[in-house]
């Protein structure tokens, strides 16, 4: 949900500030990245506790996947909105 909210806010602000969306998405996503779990995964592997390391790594992968999925959903919504808006404009121009 966090990445969806960030994505929507970044799209709105990018249009208002006339900036690329990526310049706003990149710093906004940093708090969502699971750095602590990634650190614990590497630490567990170094300490030869492979099962615990694998568990932490799965947490990292699930969290990263959820972040990516959230941004994908926002991008799909944005693309669909643009396509509908363009169709409506083309229809109005043809009349």
PDB file of N, CA and C in Angstrom:
ATOM      1  N   UNK A   1       0.824  -1.202   0.000  1.00  0.00           N
ATOM      2  CA  UNK A   1       0.000   0.000   0.000  1.00  0.00           C
ATOM      3  C   UNK A   1       0.862   1.258   0.000  1.00  0.00           C
ATOM      4  N   UNK A   2       1.992   1.183   0.684  1.00  0.00           N
ATOM      5  CA  UNK A   2       2.874   2.344   0.737  1.00  0.00           C
ATOM      6  C   UNK A   2       3.383   2.749  -0.628  1.00  0.00           C
ATOM      7  N   UNK A   3       3.764   1.770  -1.434  1.00  0.00           N
ATOM      8  CA  UNK A   3       4.287   2.115  -2.764  1.00  0.00           C
ATOM      9  C   UNK A   3       3.183   2.639  -3.677  1.00  0.00           C
ATOM     10  N   UNK A   4       1.957   2.188  -3.485  1.00  0.00           N
ATOM     11  CA  UNK A   4       0.835   2.712  -4.272  1.00  0.00           C
ATOM     12  C   UNK A   4       0.601   4.180  -3.918  1.00  0.00           C
ATOM     13  N   UNK A   5       0.591   4.485  -2.636  1.00  0.00           N
ATOM     14  CA  UNK A   5       0.388   5.869  -2.197  1.00  0.00           C
ATOM     15  C   UNK A   5       1.529   6.751  -2.695  1.00  0.00           C
ATOM     16  N   UNK A   6       2.753   6.278  -2.538  1.00  0.00           N
ATOM     17  CA  UNK A   6       3.913   7.044  -3.014  1.00  0.00           C
ATOM     18  C   UNK A   6       3.823   7.257  -4.523  1.00  0.00           C
ATOM     19  N   UNK A   7       3.462   6.218  -5.256  1.00  0.00           N
ATOM     20  CA  UNK A   7       3.355   6.332  -6.704  1.00  0.00           C
ATOM     21  C   UNK A   7       2.321   7.357  -7.128  1.00  0.00           C
ATOM     22  N   UNK A   8       1.167   7.333  -6.496  1.00  0.00           N
ATOM     23  CA  UNK A   8       0.107   8.292  -6.844  1.00  0.00           C
ATOM     24  C   UNK A   8       0.516   9.728  -6.511  1.00  0.00           C
ATOM     25  N   UNK A   9       1.112   9.904  -5.348  1.00  0.00           N
ATOM     26  CA  UNK A   9       1.561  11.245  -4.953  1.00  0.00           C
ATOM     27  C   UNK A   9       2.654  11.737  -5.902  1.00  0.00           C
ATOM     28  N   UNK A  10       3.575  10.862  -6.265  1.00  0.00           N
ATOM     29  CA  UNK A  10       4.660  11.260  -7.162  1.00  0.00           C
ATOM     30  C   UNK A  10       4.147  11.616  -8.554  1.00  0.00           C
ATOM     31  N   UNK A  11       3.152  10.916  -9.042  1.00  0.00           N
ATOM     32  CA  UNK A  11       2.570  11.260 -10.343  1.00  0.00           C
ATOM     33  C   UNK A  11       1.913  12.635 -10.277  1.00  0.00           C
ATOM     34  N   UNK A  12       1.160  12.878  -9.224  1.00  0.00           N
ATOM     35  CA  UNK A  12       0.507  14.180  -9.059  1.00  0.00           C
ATOM     36  C   UNK A  12       1.538  15.301  -8.981  1.00  0.00           C
ATOM     37  N   UNK A  13       2.563  15.095  -8.136  1.00  0.00           N
ATOM     38  CA  UNK A  13       3.581  16.136  -7.973  1.00  0.00           C
ATOM     39  C   UNK A  13       4.423  16.325  -9.230  1.00  0.00           C
ATOM     40  N   UNK A  14       4.678  15.242  -9.958  1.00  0.00           N
ATOM     41  CA  UNK A  14       5.486  15.381 -11.169  1.00  0.00           C
ATOM     42  C   UNK A  14       4.776  16.239 -12.208  1.00  0.00           C
ATOM     43  N   UNK A  15       3.474  16.127 -12.271  1.00  0.00           N
ATOM     44  CA  UNK A  15       2.719  16.968 -13.207  1.00  0.00           C
ATOM     45  C   UNK A  15       2.681  18.417 -12.734  1.00  0.00           C
ATOM     46  N   UNK A  16       2.514  18.584 -11.426  1.00  0.00           N
ATOM     47  CA  UNK A  16       2.433  19.935 -10.872  1.00  0.00           C
ATOM     48  C   UNK A  16       3.783  20.654 -10.954  1.00  0.00           C
ATOM     49  N   UNK A  17       4.872  19.939 -10.640  1.00  0.00           N
ATOM     50  CA  UNK A  17       6.210  20.536 -10.645  1.00  0.00           C
ATOM     51  C   UNK A  17       6.930  20.407 -11.980  1.00  0.00           C
ATOM     52  N   UNK A  18       6.326  19.672 -12.909  1.00  0.00           N
ATOM     53  CA  UNK A  18       6.917  19.424 -14.234  1.00  0.00           C
ATOM     54  C   UNK A  18       8.294  18.770 -14.120  1.00  0.00           C
ATOM     55  N   UNK A  19       8.324  17.678 -13.376  1.00  0.00           N
ATOM     56  CA  UNK A  19       9.530  16.879 -13.185  1.00  0.00           C
ATOM     57  C   UNK A  19       9.251  15.450 -13.610  1.00  0.00           C
ATOM     58  N   UNK A  20      10.295  14.695 -13.970  1.00  0.00           N
ATOM     59  CA  UNK A  20      10.080  13.269 -14.227  1.00  0.00           C
ATOM     60  C   UNK A  20       9.671  12.547 -12.936  1.00  0.00           C
ATOM     61  N   UNK A  21       8.813  11.571 -13.066  1.00  0.00           N
ATOM     62  CA  UNK A  21       8.303  10.838 -11.900  1.00  0.00           C
ATOM     63  C   UNK A  21       9.441  10.145 -11.157  1.00  0.00           C
ATOM     64  N   UNK A  22      10.413   9.636 -11.887  1.00  0.00           N
ATOM     65  CA  UNK A  22      11.500   8.864 -11.263  1.00  0.00           C
ATOM     66  C   UNK A  22      12.301   9.707 -10.278  1.00  0.00           C
ATOM     67  N   UNK A  23      12.407  11.019 -10.528  1.00  0.00           N
ATOM     68  CA  UNK A  23      13.158  11.866  -9.594  1.00  0.00           C
ATOM     69  C   UNK A  23      12.438  12.002  -8.253  1.00  0.00           C
ATOM     70  N   UNK A  24      11.148  11.794  -8.247  1.00  0.00           N
ATOM     71  CA  UNK A  24      10.395  11.844  -6.998  1.00  0.00           C
ATOM     72  C   UNK A  24      10.237  10.457  -6.375  1.00  0.00           C
ATOM     73  N   UNK A  25      10.110   9.420  -7.214  1.00  0.00           N
ATOM     74  CA  UNK A  25       9.934   8.053  -6.706  1.00  0.00           C
ATOM     75  C   UNK A  25      11.172   7.548  -5.966  1.00  0.00           C
ATOM     76  N   UNK A  26      12.334   7.813  -6.521  1.00  0.00           N
ATOM     77  CA  UNK A  26      13.568   7.231  -5.983  1.00  0.00           C
ATOM     78  C   UNK A  26      13.806   7.600  -4.527  1.00  0.00           C
ATOM     79  N   UNK A  27      13.818   8.866  -4.149  1.00  0.00           N
ATOM     80  CA  UNK A  27      14.036   9.163  -2.727  1.00  0.00           C
ATOM     81  C   UNK A  27      12.856   8.764  -1.833  1.00  0.00           C
ATOM     82  N   UNK A  28      11.658   8.725  -2.396  1.00  0.00           N
ATOM     83  CA  UNK A  28      10.490   8.391  -1.589  1.00  0.00           C
ATOM     84  C   UNK A  28      10.423   6.914  -1.237  1.00  0.00           C
ATOM     85  N   UNK A  29      11.055   6.078  -2.042  1.00  0.00           N
ATOM     86  CA  UNK A  29      10.980   4.632  -1.829  1.00  0.00           C
ATOM     87  C   UNK A  29      11.992   4.145  -0.788  1.00  0.00           C
ATOM     88  N   UNK A  30      12.994   4.944  -0.486  1.00  0.00           N
ATOM     89  CA  UNK A  30      14.075   4.523   0.414  1.00  0.00           C
ATOM     90  C   UNK A  30      13.568   4.017   1.769  1.00  0.00           C
ATOM     91  N   UNK A  31      12.605   4.681   2.409  1.00  0.00           N
ATOM     92  CA  UNK A  31      12.133   4.150   3.700  1.00  0.00           C
ATOM     93  C   UNK A  31      11.435   2.793   3.603  1.00  0.00           C
ATOM     94  N   UNK A  32      10.956   2.425   2.412  1.00  0.00           N
ATOM     95  CA  UNK A  32      10.261   1.149   2.261  1.00  0.00           C
ATOM     96  C   UNK A  32      11.216  -0.024   2.050  1.00  0.00           C
ATOM     97  N   UNK A  33      12.438   0.256   1.623  1.00  0.00           N
ATOM     98  CA  UNK A  33      13.386  -0.809   1.300  1.00  0.00           C
ATOM     99  C   UNK A  33      13.785  -1.540   2.583  1.00  0.00           C
ATOM    100  N   UNK A  34      13.743  -2.870   2.562  1.00  0.00           N
ATOM    101  CA  UNK A  34      14.019  -3.659   3.778  1.00  0.00           C
ATOM    102  C   UNK A  34      15.511  -3.844   4.045  1.00  0.00           C
ATOM    103  N   UNK A  35      16.196  -2.779   4.412  1.00  0.00           N
ATOM    104  CA  UNK A  35      17.637  -2.833   4.644  1.00  0.00           C
ATOM    105  C   UNK A  35      18.016  -3.671   5.855  1.00  0.00           C
ATOM    106  N   UNK A  36      17.225  -3.584   6.906  1.00  0.00           N
ATOM    107  CA  UNK A  36      17.531  -4.338   8.123  1.00  0.00           C
ATOM    108  C   UNK A  36      17.459  -5.839   7.894  1.00  0.00           C
ATOM    109  N   UNK A  37      16.452  -6.277   7.172  1.00  0.00           N
ATOM    110  CA  UNK A  37      16.310  -7.707   6.886  1.00  0.00           C
ATOM    111  C   UNK A  37      17.425  -8.190   5.964  1.00  0.00           C
ATOM    112  N   UNK A  38      17.832  -7.355   5.008  1.00  0.00           N
ATOM    113  CA  UNK A  38      18.937  -7.731   4.117  1.00  0.00           C
ATOM    114  C   UNK A  38      20.236  -7.860   4.904  1.00  0.00           C
ATOM    115  N   UNK A  39      20.464  -6.936   5.818  1.00  0.00           N
ATOM    116  CA  UNK A  39      21.646  -7.011   6.675  1.00  0.00           C
ATOM    117  C   UNK A  39      21.636  -8.290   7.505  1.00  0.00           C
ATOM    118  N   UNK A  40      20.487  -8.600   8.098  1.00  0.00           N
ATOM    119  CA  UNK A  40      20.398  -9.809   8.925  1.00  0.00           C
ATOM    120  C   UNK A  40      20.574 -11.074   8.085  1.00  0.00           C
ATOM    121  N   UNK A  41      20.129 -11.060   6.843  1.00  0.00           N
ATOM    122  CA  UNK A  41      20.306 -12.219   5.960  1.00  0.00           C
ATOM    123  C   UNK A  41      21.788 -12.456   5.705  1.00  0.00           C
ATOM    124  N   UNK A  42      22.505 -11.404   5.379  1.00  0.00           N
ATOM    125  CA  UNK A  42      23.948 -11.539   5.116  1.00  0.00           C
ATOM    126  C   UNK A  42      24.673 -11.941   6.389  1.00  0.00           C
ATOM    127  N   UNK A  43      24.302 -11.352   7.490  1.00  0.00           N
ATOM    128  CA  UNK A  43      24.949 -11.681   8.758  1.00  0.00           C
ATOM    129  C   UNK A  43      24.717 -13.150   9.130  1.00  0.00           C
ATOM    130  N   UNK A  44      23.499 -13.632   8.925  1.00  0.00           N
ATOM    131  CA  UNK A  44      23.187 -15.031   9.248  1.00  0.00           C
ATOM    132  C   UNK A  44      23.991 -15.985   8.375  1.00  0.00           C
ATOM    133  N   UNK A  45      24.150 -15.648   7.099  1.00  0.00           N
ATOM    134  CA  UNK A  45      24.931 -16.504   6.207  1.00  0.00           C
ATOM    135  C   UNK A  45      26.392 -16.509   6.614  1.00  0.00           C
ATOM    136  N   UNK A  46      26.929 -15.348   6.980  1.00  0.00           N
ATOM    137  CA  UNK A  46      28.325 -15.263   7.415  1.00  0.00           C
ATOM    138  C   UNK A  46      28.535 -16.076   8.690  1.00  0.00           C
ATOM    139  N   UNK A  47      27.554 -16.072   9.556  1.00  0.00           N
ATOM    140  CA  UNK A  47      27.630 -16.854  10.795  1.00  0.00           C
ATOM    141  C   UNK A  47      27.262 -18.314  10.577  1.00  0.00           C
ATOM    142  N   UNK A  48      27.087 -18.722   9.330  1.00  0.00           N
ATOM    143  CA  UNK A  48      26.787 -20.090   8.923  1.00  0.00           C
ATOM    144  C   UNK A  48      25.435 -20.587   9.452  1.00  0.00           C
ATOM    145  N   UNK A  49      24.513 -19.671   9.632  1.00  0.00           N
ATOM    146  CA  UNK A  49      23.145 -20.017  10.004  1.00  0.00           C
ATOM    147  C   UNK A  49      22.290 -19.829   8.744  1.00  0.00           C
ATOM    148  N   UNK A  50      22.369 -20.811   7.854  1.00  0.00           N
ATOM    149  CA  UNK A  50      21.799 -20.680   6.515  1.00  0.00           C
ATOM    150  C   UNK A  50      20.271 -20.656   6.498  1.00  0.00           C
ATOM    151  N   UNK A  51      19.645 -21.398   7.390  1.00  0.00           N
ATOM    152  CA  UNK A  51      18.178 -21.430   7.430  1.00  0.00           C
ATOM    153  C   UNK A  51      17.633 -20.055   7.826  1.00  0.00           C
ATOM    154  N   UNK A  52      18.205 -19.472   8.851  1.00  0.00           N
ATOM    155  CA  UNK A  52      17.774 -18.142   9.282  1.00  0.00           C
ATOM    156  C   UNK A  52      18.066 -17.105   8.194  1.00  0.00           C
ATOM    157  N   UNK A  53      19.211 -17.233   7.533  1.00  0.00           N
ATOM    158  CA  UNK A  53      19.552 -16.326   6.433  1.00  0.00           C
ATOM    159  C   UNK A  53      18.564 -16.434   5.289  1.00  0.00           C
ATOM    160  N   UNK A  54      18.150 -17.661   4.979  1.00  0.00           N
ATOM    161  CA  UNK A  54      17.171 -17.860   3.914  1.00  0.00           C
ATOM    162  C   UNK A  54      15.821 -17.252   4.291  1.00  0.00           C
ATOM    163  N   UNK A  55      15.451 -17.371   5.569  1.00  0.00           N
ATOM    164  CA  UNK A  55      14.195 -16.768   6.025  1.00  0.00           C
ATOM    165  C   UNK A  55      14.216 -15.244   5.889  1.00  0.00           C
ATOM    166  N   UNK A  56      15.338 -14.633   6.308  1.00  0.00           N
ATOM    167  CA  UNK A  56      15.461 -13.184   6.159  1.00  0.00           C
ATOM    168  C   UNK A  56      15.447 -12.786   4.681  1.00  0.00           C
ATOM    169  N   UNK A  57      16.115 -13.574   3.853  1.00  0.00           N
ATOM    170  CA  UNK A  57      16.160 -13.253   2.426  1.00  0.00           C
ATOM    171  C   UNK A  57      14.769 -13.358   1.798  1.00  0.00           C
ATOM    172  N   UNK A  58      13.975 -14.305   2.241  1.00  0.00           N
ATOM    173  CA  UNK A  58      12.600 -14.406   1.740  1.00  0.00           C
ATOM    174  C   UNK A  58      11.784 -13.176   2.146  1.00  0.00           C
ATOM    175  N   UNK A  59      12.007 -12.683   3.371  1.00  0.00           N
ATOM    176  CA  UNK A  59      11.338 -11.447   3.790  1.00  0.00           C
ATOM    177  C   UNK A  59      11.725 -10.286   2.881  1.00  0.00           C
ATOM    178  N   UNK A  60      13.015 -10.202   2.552  1.00  0.00           N
ATOM    179  CA  UNK A  60      13.496  -9.141   1.671  1.00  0.00           C
ATOM    180  C   UNK A  60      12.838  -9.260   0.296  1.00  0.00           C
ATOM    181  N   UNK A  61      12.799 -10.459  -0.246  1.00  0.00           N
ATOM    182  CA  UNK A  61      12.223 -10.661  -1.573  1.00  0.00           C
ATOM    183  C   UNK A  61      10.733 -10.363  -1.601  1.00  0.00           C
ATOM    184  N   UNK A  62      10.014 -10.786  -0.570  1.00  0.00           N
ATOM    185  CA  UNK A  62       8.575 -10.504  -0.515  1.00  0.00           C
ATOM    186  C   UNK A  62       8.314  -8.999  -0.415  1.00  0.00           C
ATOM    187  N   UNK A  63       9.098  -8.317   0.411  1.00  0.00           N
ATOM    188  CA  UNK A  63       8.912  -6.876   0.562  1.00  0.00           C
ATOM    189  C   UNK A  63       9.264  -6.145  -0.728  1.00  0.00           C
ATOM    190  N   UNK A  64      10.377  -6.509  -1.345  1.00  0.00           N
ATOM    191  CA  UNK A  64      10.766  -5.873  -2.605  1.00  0.00           C
ATOM    192  C   UNK A  64       9.727  -6.156  -3.694  1.00  0.00           C
ATOM    193  N   UNK A  65       9.217  -7.360  -3.724  1.00  0.00           N
ATOM    194  CA  UNK A  65       8.182  -7.699  -4.696  1.00  0.00           C
ATOM    195  C   UNK A  65       6.911  -6.891  -4.486  1.00  0.00           C
ATOM    196  N   UNK A  66       6.547  -6.680  -3.233  1.00  0.00           N
ATOM    197  CA  UNK A  66       5.351  -5.882  -2.933  1.00  0.00           C
ATOM    198  C   UNK A  66       5.546  -4.429  -3.358  1.00  0.00           C
ATOM    199  N   UNK A  67       6.752  -3.896  -3.164  1.00  0.00           N
ATOM    200  CA  UNK A  67       7.044  -2.529  -3.589  1.00  0.00           C
ATOM    201  C   UNK A  67       6.924  -2.412  -5.105  1.00  0.00           C
ATOM    202  N   UNK A  68       7.524  -3.354  -5.809  1.00  0.00           N
ATOM    203  CA  UNK A  68       7.471  -3.351  -7.276  1.00  0.00           C
ATOM    204  C   UNK A  68       6.032  -3.506  -7.764  1.00  0.00           C
ATOM    205  N   UNK A  69       5.290  -4.401  -7.149  1.00  0.00           N
ATOM    206  CA  UNK A  69       3.895  -4.615  -7.538  1.00  0.00           C
ATOM    207  C   UNK A  69       3.068  -3.348  -7.342  1.00  0.00           C
ATOM    208  N   UNK A  70       3.308  -2.647  -6.253  1.00  0.00           N
ATOM    209  CA  UNK A  70       2.591  -1.397  -6.005  1.00  0.00           C
ATOM    210  C   UNK A  70       2.862  -0.363  -7.082  1.00  0.00           C
ATOM    211  N   UNK A  71       4.138  -0.215  -7.465  1.00  0.00           N
ATOM    212  CA  UNK A  71       4.477   0.741  -8.519  1.00  0.00           C
ATOM    213  C   UNK A  71       3.918   0.307  -9.870  1.00  0.00           C
ATOM    214  N   UNK A  72       3.877  -0.993 -10.110  1.00  0.00           N
ATOM    215  CA  UNK A  72       3.306  -1.489 -11.367  1.00  0.00           C
ATOM    216  C   UNK A  72       1.816  -1.174 -11.443  1.00  0.00           C
ATOM    217  N   UNK A  73       1.105  -1.359 -10.348  1.00  0.00           N
ATOM    218  CA  UNK A  73      -0.329  -1.072 -10.318  1.00  0.00           C
ATOM    219  C   UNK A  73      -0.571   0.408 -10.610  1.00  0.00           C
ATOM    220  N   UNK A  74       0.224   1.274  -9.991  1.00  0.00           N
ATOM    221  CA  UNK A  74       0.071   2.710 -10.220  1.00  0.00           C
ATOM    222  C   UNK A  74       0.353   3.053 -11.679  1.00  0.00           C
ATOM    223  N   UNK A  75       1.393   2.460 -12.252  1.00  0.00           N
ATOM    224  CA  UNK A  75       1.728   2.729 -13.656  1.00  0.00           C
ATOM    225  C   UNK A  75       0.616   2.249 -14.585  1.00  0.00           C
ATOM    226  N   UNK A  76       0.046   1.093 -14.303  1.00  0.00           N
ATOM    227  CA  UNK A  76      -1.064   0.599 -15.112  1.00  0.00           C
ATOM    228  C   UNK A  76      -2.277   1.519 -15.026  1.00  0.00           C
ATOM    229  N   UNK A  77      -2.572   1.993 -13.839  1.00  0.00           N
ATOM    230  CA  UNK A  77      -3.686   2.924 -13.660  1.00  0.00           C
ATOM    231  C   UNK A  77      -3.421   4.214 -14.430  1.00  0.00           C
ATOM    232  N   UNK A  78      -2.189   4.709 -14.353  1.00  0.00           N
ATOM    233  CA  UNK A  78      -1.830   5.936 -15.067  1.00  0.00           C
ATOM    234  C   UNK A  78      -1.962   5.745 -16.583  1.00  0.00           C
ATOM    235  N   UNK A  79      -1.469   4.633 -17.100  1.00  0.00           N
ATOM    236  CA  UNK A  79      -1.559   4.368 -18.538  1.00  0.00           C
ATOM    237  C   UNK A  79      -3.011   4.249 -18.997  1.00  0.00           C
ATOM    238  N   UNK A  80      -3.829   3.571 -18.216  1.00  0.00           N
ATOM    239  CA  UNK A  80      -5.240   3.419 -18.566  1.00  0.00           C
ATOM    240  C   UNK A  80      -5.956   4.771 -18.540  1.00  0.00           C
ATOM    241  N   UNK A  81      -5.648   5.591 -17.558  1.00  0.00           N
ATOM    242  CA  UNK A  81      -6.249   6.920 -17.469  1.00  0.00           C
ATOM    243  C   UNK A  81      -5.859   7.776 -18.667  1.00  0.00           C
ATOM    244  N   UNK A  82      -4.581   7.727 -19.050  1.00  0.00           N
ATOM    245  CA  UNK A  82      -4.123   8.496 -20.216  1.00  0.00           C
ATOM    246  C   UNK A  82      -4.812   8.023 -21.487  1.00  0.00           C
ATOM    247  N   UNK A  83      -4.932   6.707 -21.661  1.00  0.00           N
ATOM    248  CA  UNK A  83      -5.561   6.160 -22.866  1.00  0.00           C
ATOM    249  C   UNK A  83      -7.025   6.593 -22.943  1.00  0.00           C
ATOM    250  N   UNK A  84      -7.729   6.544 -21.852  1.00  0.00           N
ATOM    251  CA  UNK A  84      -9.139   6.961 -21.851  1.00  0.00           C
ATOM    252  C   UNK A  84      -9.276   8.445 -22.132  1.00  0.00           C
ATOM    253  N   UNK A  85      -8.373   9.237 -21.557  1.00  0.00           N
ATOM    254  CA  UNK A  85      -8.412  10.673 -21.785  1.00  0.00           C
ATOM    255  C   UNK A  85      -8.141  10.993 -23.259  1.00  0.00           C
ATOM    256  N   UNK A  86      -7.170  10.301 -23.860  1.00  0.00           N
ATOM    257  CA  UNK A  86      -6.865  10.516 -25.274  1.00  0.00           C
ATOM    258  C   UNK A  86      -8.030  10.105 -26.164  1.00  0.00           C
ATOM    259  N   UNK A  87      -8.675   8.984 -25.854  1.00  0.00           N
ATOM    260  CA  UNK A  87      -9.845   8.553 -26.630  1.00  0.00           C
ATOM    261  C   UNK A  87     -10.955   9.590 -26.563  1.00  0.00           C
ATOM    262  N   UNK A  88     -11.177  10.108 -25.372  1.00  0.00           N
ATOM    263  CA  UNK A  88     -12.224  11.105 -25.191  1.00  0.00           C
ATOM    264  C   UNK A  88     -11.894  12.369 -25.984  1.00  0.00           C
ATOM    265  N   UNK A  89     -10.629  12.777 -25.986  1.00  0.00           N
ATOM    266  CA  UNK A  89     -10.218  13.960 -26.747  1.00  0.00           C
ATOM    267  C   UNK A  89     -10.342  13.730 -28.256  1.00  0.00           C
ATOM    268  N   UNK A  90      -9.963  12.543 -28.712  1.00  0.00           N
ATOM    269  CA  UNK A  90     -10.081  12.223 -30.139  1.00  0.00           C
ATOM    270  C   UNK A  90     -11.540  12.209 -30.573  1.00  0.00           C
ATOM    271  N   UNK A  91     -12.382  11.680 -29.718  1.00  0.00           N
ATOM    272  CA  UNK A  91     -13.815  11.628 -30.022  1.00  0.00           C
ATOM    273  C   UNK A  91     -14.384  13.039 -30.122  1.00  0.00           C
ATOM    274  N   UNK A  92     -13.946  13.914 -29.229  1.00  0.00           N
ATOM    275  CA  UNK A  92     -14.425  15.305 -29.239  1.00  0.00           C
ATOM    276  C   UNK A  92     -13.898  16.044 -30.464  1.00  0.00           C
ATOM    277  N   UNK A  93     -12.683  15.730 -30.901  1.00  0.00           N
ATOM    278  CA  UNK A  93     -12.097  16.396 -32.071  1.00  0.00           C
ATOM    279  C   UNK A  93     -12.777  15.943 -33.366  1.00  0.00           C
ATOM    280  N   UNK A  94     -13.231  14.711 -33.416  1.00  0.00           N
ATOM    281  CA  UNK A  94     -13.867  14.174 -34.626  1.00  0.00           C
ATOM    282  C   UNK A  94     -15.299  14.661 -34.815  1.00  0.00           C
ATOM    283  N   UNK A  95     -15.894  15.187 -33.772  1.00  0.00           N
ATOM    284  CA  UNK A  95     -17.294  15.647 -33.873  1.00  0.00           C
ATOM    285  C   UNK A  95     -17.402  16.972 -34.534  1.00  0.00           C
TER     286      UNK A  95
END
